[in-house]
């Protein structure tokens, strides 16, 4: 359902759909596109899953409820974190991020 709603959303910030349609948003998208939802998602994943090792699909399944994020948004956030060397990821084809890719989140600062 989120995928269908995402396609019909009037705004997409960093590829994250608003999951709503507003004629005002559609006619003046720049006014509504100042948020950085993927940046926020990446930070949230680092915090929530600190110290854990899990599949991408597990990250999505455990986190996406009650959020506007779809699986592609999680893959984009994880690719960003991988590029920034903030997570460890098992070998996978560059530019992709499959559901079964293993992700290792570092422990929180000050805990080991």
Protein backbone atom coordinates (compact mmCIF):
# COMPACT_ATOMS: atom_id res chain seq x y z
CA UNK A 1 0.00 0.00 0.00
CA UNK A 2 2.84 2.42 0.82
CA UNK A 3 4.26 1.84 -2.67
CA UNK A 4 0.99 2.87 -4.33
CA UNK A 5 0.60 5.91 -2.11
CA UNK A 6 4.23 6.90 -2.71
CA UNK A 7 3.67 7.02 -6.48
CA UNK A 8 0.68 9.37 -6.04
CA UNK A 9 2.26 11.67 -3.44
CA UNK A 10 2.57 15.33 -4.34
CA UNK A 11 6.00 15.74 -2.74
CA UNK A 12 9.11 13.62 -2.46
CA UNK A 13 11.92 14.85 -0.21
CA UNK A 14 15.17 12.99 -0.89
CA UNK A 15 13.06 10.30 -2.55
CA UNK A 16 10.79 9.89 0.48
CA UNK A 17 7.14 10.34 -0.47
CA UNK A 18 4.81 12.43 1.65
CA UNK A 19 2.12 9.71 1.25
CA UNK A 20 -0.41 12.45 0.63
CA UNK A 21 -1.59 14.63 -2.21
CA UNK A 22 -1.93 18.36 -1.85
CA UNK A 23 -2.53 20.66 -4.83
CA UNK A 24 -0.51 23.34 -3.01
CA UNK A 25 2.46 20.99 -2.67
CA UNK A 26 2.18 19.98 -6.33
CA UNK A 27 2.12 23.58 -7.58
CA UNK A 28 4.93 24.88 -5.32
CA UNK A 29 7.12 21.87 -4.49
CA UNK A 30 10.21 23.92 -3.60
CA UNK A 31 8.45 25.50 -0.62
CA UNK A 32 7.78 22.07 0.85
CA UNK A 33 11.09 20.36 0.03
CA UNK A 34 13.37 21.69 2.74
CA UNK A 35 13.27 18.58 4.90
CA UNK A 36 16.02 15.95 4.79
CA UNK A 37 14.11 12.75 5.63
CA UNK A 38 16.77 10.30 4.36
CA UNK A 39 19.40 11.98 6.51
CA UNK A 40 17.07 11.61 9.49
CA UNK A 41 16.36 7.97 8.60
CA UNK A 42 20.08 7.15 8.39
CA UNK A 43 20.73 8.68 11.82
CA UNK A 44 17.73 6.91 13.30
CA UNK A 45 18.91 3.54 11.97
CA UNK A 46 22.38 4.04 13.47
CA UNK A 47 20.82 4.76 16.84
CA UNK A 48 18.05 2.14 16.88
CA UNK A 49 20.15 -0.76 15.60
CA UNK A 50 23.47 0.13 17.29
CA UNK A 51 25.56 -2.97 17.92
CA UNK A 52 23.32 -5.27 15.85
CA UNK A 53 23.99 -7.32 12.73
CA UNK A 54 20.98 -7.98 10.52
CA UNK A 55 19.68 -8.32 6.98
CA UNK A 56 18.45 -5.23 5.14
CA UNK A 57 14.94 -6.72 5.01
CA UNK A 58 15.00 -7.19 8.80
CA UNK A 59 15.94 -3.52 9.22
CA UNK A 60 13.00 -2.57 7.01
CA UNK A 61 10.52 -4.95 8.65
CA UNK A 62 11.43 -3.83 12.15
CA UNK A 63 11.42 -0.09 11.47
CA UNK A 64 9.01 0.90 8.68
CA UNK A 65 5.69 0.62 10.54
CA UNK A 66 4.13 4.05 11.13
CA UNK A 67 6.71 5.78 8.93
CA UNK A 68 6.43 7.15 5.38
CA UNK A 69 9.45 5.10 4.29
CA UNK A 70 9.39 2.36 1.67
CA UNK A 71 12.05 -0.33 1.17
CA UNK A 72 13.88 1.77 -1.45
CA UNK A 73 14.32 4.55 1.13
CA UNK A 74 15.99 2.12 3.54
CA UNK A 75 18.28 0.85 0.81
CA UNK A 76 19.23 4.43 -0.11
CA UNK A 77 19.91 5.32 3.55
CA UNK A 78 22.02 2.16 4.03
CA UNK A 79 23.97 2.83 0.81
CA UNK A 80 24.67 6.33 2.11
CA UNK A 81 25.85 4.98 5.49
CA UNK A 82 28.03 2.42 3.73
CA UNK A 83 29.59 5.09 1.52
CA UNK A 84 30.28 7.19 4.64
CA UNK A 85 31.86 4.10 6.27
CA UNK A 86 29.43 4.35 9.18
CA UNK A 87 28.26 0.72 8.82
CA UNK A 88 29.89 -2.54 7.75
CA UNK A 89 28.21 -4.39 4.90
CA UNK A 90 28.89 -7.84 3.45
CA UNK A 91 30.15 -7.91 -0.12
CA UNK A 92 27.49 -7.03 -2.65
CA UNK A 93 27.31 -5.59 -6.14
CA UNK A 94 28.22 -1.90 -6.13
CA UNK A 95 25.25 0.41 -6.55
CA UNK A 96 22.78 -2.21 -5.31
CA UNK A 97 21.49 -3.20 -1.91
CA UNK A 98 19.51 -6.42 -1.89
CA UNK A 99 17.09 -7.55 0.79
CA UNK A 100 19.52 -10.22 2.02
CA UNK A 101 22.59 -8.00 2.38
CA UNK A 102 24.01 -8.28 5.91
CA UNK A 103 24.45 -4.95 7.70
CA UNK A 104 26.51 -4.48 10.86
CA UNK A 105 25.75 -1.35 12.86
CA UNK A 106 28.50 -0.06 15.16
CA UNK A 107 27.83 0.07 18.90
CA UNK A 108 26.78 3.39 20.40
CA UNK A 109 29.55 5.72 21.45
CA UNK A 110 30.75 4.89 24.93
CA UNK A 111 29.35 1.33 24.97
CA UNK A 112 31.15 -1.80 23.92
